[in-house]
């Protein structure tokens, strides 16, 4: 293999390694973002469930008040 070919191949290999490192960093960021979104989603589901239970309790109290009248 000629020196020029070896130099070109080395350059391509360095670019490939750099791209792999960029993709690894991007993947870490995406995984962290996904984790944050999942945690937020779980929190919102929990808040929604609490709100639903409160509304159901209010409806039950209103029905009980209606029956007492």
PDB file of N, CA and C in Angstrom:
ATOM      1  N   UNK A   1       0.851  -1.167   0.000  1.00  0.00           N
ATOM      2  CA  UNK A   1       0.000   0.000   0.000  1.00  0.00           C
ATOM      3  C   UNK A   1       0.904   1.239   0.000  1.00  0.00           C
ATOM      4  N   UNK A   2       0.573   2.173  -0.848  1.00  0.00           N
ATOM      5  CA  UNK A   2       1.384   3.377  -0.966  1.00  0.00           C
ATOM      6  C   UNK A   2       1.165   4.289   0.226  1.00  0.00           C
ATOM      7  N   UNK A   3       2.107   5.174   0.412  1.00  0.00           N
ATOM      8  CA  UNK A   3       2.063   6.102   1.534  1.00  0.00           C
ATOM      9  C   UNK A   3       0.830   7.011   1.456  1.00  0.00           C
ATOM     10  N   UNK A   4       0.490   7.460   0.258  1.00  0.00           N
ATOM     11  CA  UNK A   4      -0.669   8.346   0.077  1.00  0.00           C
ATOM     12  C   UNK A   4      -1.963   7.603   0.425  1.00  0.00           C
ATOM     13  N   UNK A   5      -2.063   6.339   0.000  1.00  0.00           N
ATOM     14  CA  UNK A   5      -3.257   5.543   0.293  1.00  0.00           C
ATOM     15  C   UNK A   5      -3.382   5.305   1.798  1.00  0.00           C
ATOM     16  N   UNK A   6      -2.258   5.026   2.415  1.00  0.00           N
ATOM     17  CA  UNK A   6      -2.245   4.792   3.857  1.00  0.00           C
ATOM     18  C   UNK A   6      -2.658   6.056   4.608  1.00  0.00           C
ATOM     19  N   UNK A   7      -2.158   7.189   4.141  1.00  0.00           N
ATOM     20  CA  UNK A   7      -2.502   8.470   4.758  1.00  0.00           C
ATOM     21  C   UNK A   7      -4.007   8.754   4.603  1.00  0.00           C
ATOM     22  N   UNK A   8      -4.543   8.503   3.402  1.00  0.00           N
ATOM     23  CA  UNK A   8      -5.970   8.718   3.155  1.00  0.00           C
ATOM     24  C   UNK A   8      -6.815   7.794   4.027  1.00  0.00           C
ATOM     25  N   UNK A   9      -6.403   6.546   4.131  1.00  0.00           N
ATOM     26  CA  UNK A   9      -7.131   5.577   4.942  1.00  0.00           C
ATOM     27  C   UNK A   9      -7.087   5.964   6.425  1.00  0.00           C
ATOM     28  N   UNK A  10      -5.939   6.438   6.863  1.00  0.00           N
ATOM     29  CA  UNK A  10      -5.803   6.884   8.252  1.00  0.00           C
ATOM     30  C   UNK A  10      -6.731   8.061   8.529  1.00  0.00           C
ATOM     31  N   UNK A  11      -6.805   8.987   7.589  1.00  0.00           N
ATOM     32  CA  UNK A  11      -7.699  10.141   7.736  1.00  0.00           C
ATOM     33  C   UNK A  11      -9.151   9.711   7.824  1.00  0.00           C
ATOM     34  N   UNK A  12      -9.542   8.785   6.956  1.00  0.00           N
ATOM     35  CA  UNK A  12     -10.920   8.282   6.975  1.00  0.00           C
ATOM     36  C   UNK A  12     -11.222   7.568   8.274  1.00  0.00           C
ATOM     37  N   UNK A  13     -10.261   6.810   8.765  1.00  0.00           N
ATOM     38  CA  UNK A  13     -10.442   6.087  10.024  1.00  0.00           C
ATOM     39  C   UNK A  13     -10.601   7.064  11.191  1.00  0.00           C
ATOM     40  N   UNK A  14      -9.814   8.131  11.192  1.00  0.00           N
ATOM     41  CA  UNK A  14      -9.918   9.137  12.245  1.00  0.00           C
ATOM     42  C   UNK A  14     -11.290   9.816  12.212  1.00  0.00           C
ATOM     43  N   UNK A  15     -11.777  10.124  11.010  1.00  0.00           N
ATOM     44  CA  UNK A  15     -13.108  10.720  10.872  1.00  0.00           C
ATOM     45  C   UNK A  15     -14.193   9.757  11.373  1.00  0.00           C
ATOM     46  N   UNK A  16     -14.036   8.497  11.054  1.00  0.00           N
ATOM     47  CA  UNK A  16     -14.999   7.491  11.487  1.00  0.00           C
ATOM     48  C   UNK A  16     -15.016   7.384  13.015  1.00  0.00           C
ATOM     49  N   UNK A  17     -13.851   7.372  13.613  1.00  0.00           N
ATOM     50  CA  UNK A  17     -13.752   7.301  15.081  1.00  0.00           C
ATOM     51  C   UNK A  17     -14.399   8.541  15.704  1.00  0.00           C
ATOM     52  N   UNK A  18     -14.136   9.703  15.117  1.00  0.00           N
ATOM     53  CA  UNK A  18     -14.726  10.947  15.617  1.00  0.00           C
ATOM     54  C   UNK A  18     -16.252  10.894  15.519  1.00  0.00           C
ATOM     55  N   UNK A  19     -16.747  10.386  14.415  1.00  0.00           N
ATOM     56  CA  UNK A  19     -18.207  10.292  14.225  1.00  0.00           C
ATOM     57  C   UNK A  19     -18.823   9.325  15.238  1.00  0.00           C
ATOM     58  N   UNK A  20     -18.159   8.221  15.505  1.00  0.00           N
ATOM     59  CA  UNK A  20     -18.642   7.255  16.491  1.00  0.00           C
ATOM     60  C   UNK A  20     -18.737   7.915  17.867  1.00  0.00           C
ATOM     61  N   UNK A  21     -17.732   8.695  18.219  1.00  0.00           N
ATOM     62  CA  UNK A  21     -17.736   9.386  19.513  1.00  0.00           C
ATOM     63  C   UNK A  21     -18.865  10.404  19.575  1.00  0.00           C
ATOM     64  N   UNK A  22     -19.107  11.122  18.478  1.00  0.00           N
ATOM     65  CA  UNK A  22     -20.223  12.074  18.423  1.00  0.00           C
ATOM     66  C   UNK A  22     -21.554  11.347  18.613  1.00  0.00           C
ATOM     67  N   UNK A  23     -21.708  10.223  17.956  1.00  0.00           N
ATOM     68  CA  UNK A  23     -22.950   9.455  18.062  1.00  0.00           C
ATOM     69  C   UNK A  23     -23.137   8.905  19.478  1.00  0.00           C
ATOM     70  N   UNK A  24     -22.045   8.498  20.110  1.00  0.00           N
ATOM     71  CA  UNK A  24     -22.136   8.019  21.488  1.00  0.00           C
ATOM     72  C   UNK A  24     -22.604   9.140  22.410  1.00  0.00           C
ATOM     73  N   UNK A  25     -22.040  10.336  22.232  1.00  0.00           N
ATOM     74  CA  UNK A  25     -22.427  11.483  23.051  1.00  0.00           C
ATOM     75  C   UNK A  25     -23.892  11.845  22.808  1.00  0.00           C
ATOM     76  N   UNK A  26     -24.295  11.835  21.554  1.00  0.00           N
ATOM     77  CA  UNK A  26     -25.683  12.135  21.211  1.00  0.00           C
ATOM     78  C   UNK A  26     -26.616  11.092  21.813  1.00  0.00           C
ATOM     79  N   UNK A  27     -26.217   9.848  21.785  1.00  0.00           N
ATOM     80  CA  UNK A  27     -27.031   8.771  22.347  1.00  0.00           C
ATOM     81  C   UNK A  27     -27.187   8.956  23.853  1.00  0.00           C
ATOM     82  N   UNK A  28     -26.112   9.338  24.538  1.00  0.00           N
ATOM     83  CA  UNK A  28     -26.203   9.586  25.981  1.00  0.00           C
ATOM     84  C   UNK A  28     -27.198  10.706  26.278  1.00  0.00           C
ATOM     85  N   UNK A  29     -27.139  11.777  25.481  1.00  0.00           N
ATOM     86  CA  UNK A  29     -28.071  12.893  25.670  1.00  0.00           C
ATOM     87  C   UNK A  29     -29.513  12.452  25.420  1.00  0.00           C
ATOM     88  N   UNK A  30     -29.708  11.678  24.381  1.00  0.00           N
ATOM     89  CA  UNK A  30     -31.061  11.199  24.072  1.00  0.00           C
ATOM     90  C   UNK A  30     -31.589  10.283  25.169  1.00  0.00           C
ATOM     91  N   UNK A  31     -30.744   9.433  25.707  1.00  0.00           N
ATOM     92  CA  UNK A  31     -31.168   8.545  26.783  1.00  0.00           C
ATOM     93  C   UNK A  31     -31.520   9.338  28.041  1.00  0.00           C
ATOM     94  N   UNK A  32     -30.734  10.368  28.336  1.00  0.00           N
ATOM     95  CA  UNK A  32     -31.031  11.213  29.492  1.00  0.00           C
ATOM     96  C   UNK A  32     -32.344  11.961  29.280  1.00  0.00           C
ATOM     97  N   UNK A  33     -32.560  12.439  28.075  1.00  0.00           N
ATOM     98  CA  UNK A  33     -33.807  13.146  27.754  1.00  0.00           C
ATOM     99  C   UNK A  33     -34.995  12.201  27.864  1.00  0.00           C
ATOM    100  N   UNK A  34     -34.831  10.992  27.362  1.00  0.00           N
ATOM    101  CA  UNK A  34     -35.915  10.010  27.450  1.00  0.00           C
ATOM    102  C   UNK A  34     -36.248   9.714  28.907  1.00  0.00           C
ATOM    103  N   UNK A  35     -35.239   9.575  29.738  1.00  0.00           N
ATOM    104  CA  UNK A  35     -35.462   9.311  31.152  1.00  0.00           C
ATOM    105  C   UNK A  35     -36.246  10.452  31.796  1.00  0.00           C
ATOM    106  N   UNK A  36     -35.876  11.686  31.459  1.00  0.00           N
ATOM    107  CA  UNK A  36     -36.581  12.851  32.014  1.00  0.00           C
ATOM    108  C   UNK A  36     -38.040  12.871  31.562  1.00  0.00           C
ATOM    109  N   UNK A  37     -38.279  12.582  30.283  1.00  0.00           N
ATOM    110  CA  UNK A  37     -39.651  12.549  29.780  1.00  0.00           C
ATOM    111  C   UNK A  37     -40.467  11.447  30.457  1.00  0.00           C
ATOM    112  N   UNK A  38     -39.855  10.292  30.678  1.00  0.00           N
ATOM    113  CA  UNK A  38     -40.566   9.189  31.337  1.00  0.00           C
ATOM    114  C   UNK A  38     -40.912   9.558  32.781  1.00  0.00           C
ATOM    115  N   UNK A  39     -39.974  10.219  33.468  1.00  0.00           N
ATOM    116  CA  UNK A  39     -40.238  10.629  34.839  1.00  0.00           C
ATOM    117  C   UNK A  39     -41.357  11.668  34.887  1.00  0.00           C
ATOM    118  N   UNK A  40     -41.321  12.625  33.953  1.00  0.00           N
ATOM    119  CA  UNK A  40     -42.378  13.633  33.900  1.00  0.00           C
ATOM    120  C   UNK A  40     -43.725  12.985  33.592  1.00  0.00           C
ATOM    121  N   UNK A  41     -43.722  12.040  32.684  1.00  0.00           N
ATOM    122  CA  UNK A  41     -44.967  11.343  32.322  1.00  0.00           C
ATOM    123  C   UNK A  41     -45.546  10.614  33.533  1.00  0.00           C
ATOM    124  N   UNK A  42     -44.687   9.926  34.276  1.00  0.00           N
ATOM    125  CA  UNK A  42     -45.147   9.206  35.470  1.00  0.00           C
ATOM    126  C   UNK A  42     -45.724  10.187  36.488  1.00  0.00           C
ATOM    127  N   UNK A  43     -45.068  11.341  36.645  1.00  0.00           N
ATOM    128  CA  UNK A  43     -45.552  12.351  37.582  1.00  0.00           C
ATOM    129  C   UNK A  43     -46.920  12.880  37.144  1.00  0.00           C
ATOM    130  N   UNK A  44     -47.082  13.137  35.855  1.00  0.00           N
ATOM    131  CA  UNK A  44     -48.361  13.640  35.344  1.00  0.00           C
ATOM    132  C   UNK A  44     -49.467  12.597  35.483  1.00  0.00           C
ATOM    133  N   UNK A  45     -49.140  11.346  35.267  1.00  0.00           N
ATOM    134  CA  UNK A  45     -50.134  10.275  35.446  1.00  0.00           C
ATOM    135  C   UNK A  45     -50.577  10.226  36.904  1.00  0.00           C
ATOM    136  N   UNK A  46     -49.615  10.359  37.814  1.00  0.00           N
ATOM    137  CA  UNK A  46     -49.936  10.346  39.240  1.00  0.00           C
ATOM    138  C   UNK A  46     -50.822  11.544  39.609  1.00  0.00           C
ATOM    139  N   UNK A  47     -50.482  12.731  39.095  1.00  0.00           N
ATOM    140  CA  UNK A  47     -51.302  13.914  39.372  1.00  0.00           C
ATOM    141  C   UNK A  47     -52.705  13.748  38.809  1.00  0.00           C
ATOM    142  N   UNK A  48     -52.805  13.181  37.625  1.00  0.00           N
ATOM    143  CA  UNK A  48     -54.095  12.961  36.996  1.00  0.00           C
ATOM    144  C   UNK A  48     -54.949  12.008  37.831  1.00  0.00           C
ATOM    145  N   UNK A  49     -54.329  10.970  38.341  1.00  0.00           N
ATOM    146  CA  UNK A  49     -55.050   9.998  39.174  1.00  0.00           C
ATOM    147  C   UNK A  49     -55.531  10.652  40.471  1.00  0.00           C
ATOM    148  N   UNK A  50     -54.693  11.486  41.068  1.00  0.00           N
ATOM    149  CA  UNK A  50     -55.091  12.179  42.289  1.00  0.00           C
ATOM    150  C   UNK A  50     -56.271  13.113  42.015  1.00  0.00           C
ATOM    151  N   UNK A  51     -56.224  13.830  40.898  1.00  0.00           N
ATOM    152  CA  UNK A  51     -57.321  14.727  40.529  1.00  0.00           C
ATOM    153  C   UNK A  51     -58.607  13.933  40.295  1.00  0.00           C
ATOM    154  N   UNK A  52     -58.478  12.794  39.637  1.00  0.00           N
ATOM    155  CA  UNK A  52     -59.660  11.957  39.373  1.00  0.00           C
ATOM    156  C   UNK A  52     -60.281  11.492  40.681  1.00  0.00           C
ATOM    157  N   UNK A  53     -59.454  11.079  41.624  1.00  0.00           N
ATOM    158  CA  UNK A  53     -59.974  10.625  42.914  1.00  0.00           C
ATOM    159  C   UNK A  53     -60.659  11.758  43.668  1.00  0.00           C
ATOM    160  N   UNK A  54     -60.102  12.956  43.601  1.00  0.00           N
ATOM    161  CA  UNK A  54     -60.724  14.108  44.271  1.00  0.00           C
ATOM    162  C   UNK A  54     -62.077  14.438  43.647  1.00  0.00           C
ATOM    163  N   UNK A  55     -62.135  14.411  42.327  1.00  0.00           N
ATOM    164  CA  UNK A  55     -63.406  14.696  41.640  1.00  0.00           C
ATOM    165  C   UNK A  55     -64.441  13.632  42.006  1.00  0.00           C
ATOM    166  N   UNK A  56     -64.039  12.380  42.016  1.00  0.00           N
ATOM    167  CA  UNK A  56     -64.970  11.318  42.395  1.00  0.00           C
ATOM    168  C   UNK A  56     -65.464  11.498  43.825  1.00  0.00           C
ATOM    169  N   UNK A  57     -64.576  11.913  44.714  1.00  0.00           N
ATOM    170  CA  UNK A  57     -64.972  12.147  46.110  1.00  0.00           C
ATOM    171  C   UNK A  57     -65.954  13.304  46.186  1.00  0.00           C
ATOM    172  N   UNK A  58     -65.718  14.369  45.433  1.00  0.00           N
ATOM    173  CA  UNK A  58     -66.641  15.507  45.430  1.00  0.00           C
ATOM    174  C   UNK A  58     -68.011  15.094  44.896  1.00  0.00           C
ATOM    175  N   UNK A  59     -68.019  14.304  43.848  1.00  0.00           N
ATOM    176  CA  UNK A  59     -69.291  13.835  43.273  1.00  0.00           C
ATOM    177  C   UNK A  59     -70.040  12.997  44.305  1.00  0.00           C
ATOM    178  N   UNK A  60     -69.336  12.141  45.004  1.00  0.00           N
ATOM    179  CA  UNK A  60     -69.976  11.317  46.035  1.00  0.00           C
ATOM    180  C   UNK A  60     -70.563  12.191  47.137  1.00  0.00           C
ATOM    181  N   UNK A  61     -69.836  13.214  47.565  1.00  0.00           N
ATOM    182  CA  UNK A  61     -70.357  14.111  48.608  1.00  0.00           C
ATOM    183  C   UNK A  61     -71.586  14.871  48.117  1.00  0.00           C
ATOM    184  N   UNK A  62     -71.546  15.313  46.864  1.00  0.00           N
ATOM    185  CA  UNK A  62     -72.701  16.021  46.314  1.00  0.00           C
ATOM    186  C   UNK A  62     -73.917  15.108  46.235  1.00  0.00           C
ATOM    187  N   UNK A  63     -73.701  13.861  45.832  1.00  0.00           N
ATOM    188  CA  UNK A  63     -74.817  12.914  45.775  1.00  0.00           C
ATOM    189  C   UNK A  63     -75.370  12.660  47.170  1.00  0.00           C
ATOM    190  N   UNK A  64     -74.476  12.551  48.152  1.00  0.00           N
ATOM    191  CA  UNK A  64     -74.920  12.350  49.534  1.00  0.00           C
ATOM    192  C   UNK A  64     -75.705  13.553  50.028  1.00  0.00           C
ATOM    193  N   UNK A  65     -75.272  14.752  49.680  1.00  0.00           N
ATOM    194  CA  UNK A  65     -76.016  15.954  50.073  1.00  0.00           C
ATOM    195  C   UNK A  65     -77.390  15.998  49.410  1.00  0.00           C
ATOM    196  N   UNK A  66     -77.467  15.581  48.164  1.00  0.00           N
ATOM    197  CA  UNK A  66     -78.746  15.541  47.439  1.00  0.00           C
ATOM    198  C   UNK A  66     -79.722  14.586  48.143  1.00  0.00           C
ATOM    199  N   UNK A  67     -79.229  13.431  48.561  1.00  0.00           N
ATOM    200  CA  UNK A  67     -80.074  12.434  49.190  1.00  0.00           C
ATOM    201  C   UNK A  67     -80.544  12.900  50.560  1.00  0.00           C
ATOM    202  N   UNK A  68     -79.728  13.689  51.247  1.00  0.00           N
ATOM    203  CA  UNK A  68     -80.091  14.194  52.569  1.00  0.00           C
ATOM    204  C   UNK A  68     -81.161  15.282  52.467  1.00  0.00           C
ATOM    205  N   UNK A  69     -81.286  15.933  51.329  1.00  0.00           N
ATOM    206  CA  UNK A  69     -82.245  17.025  51.176  1.00  0.00           C
ATOM    207  C   UNK A  69     -83.652  16.547  51.038  1.00  0.00           C
TER     208      UNK A  69
END
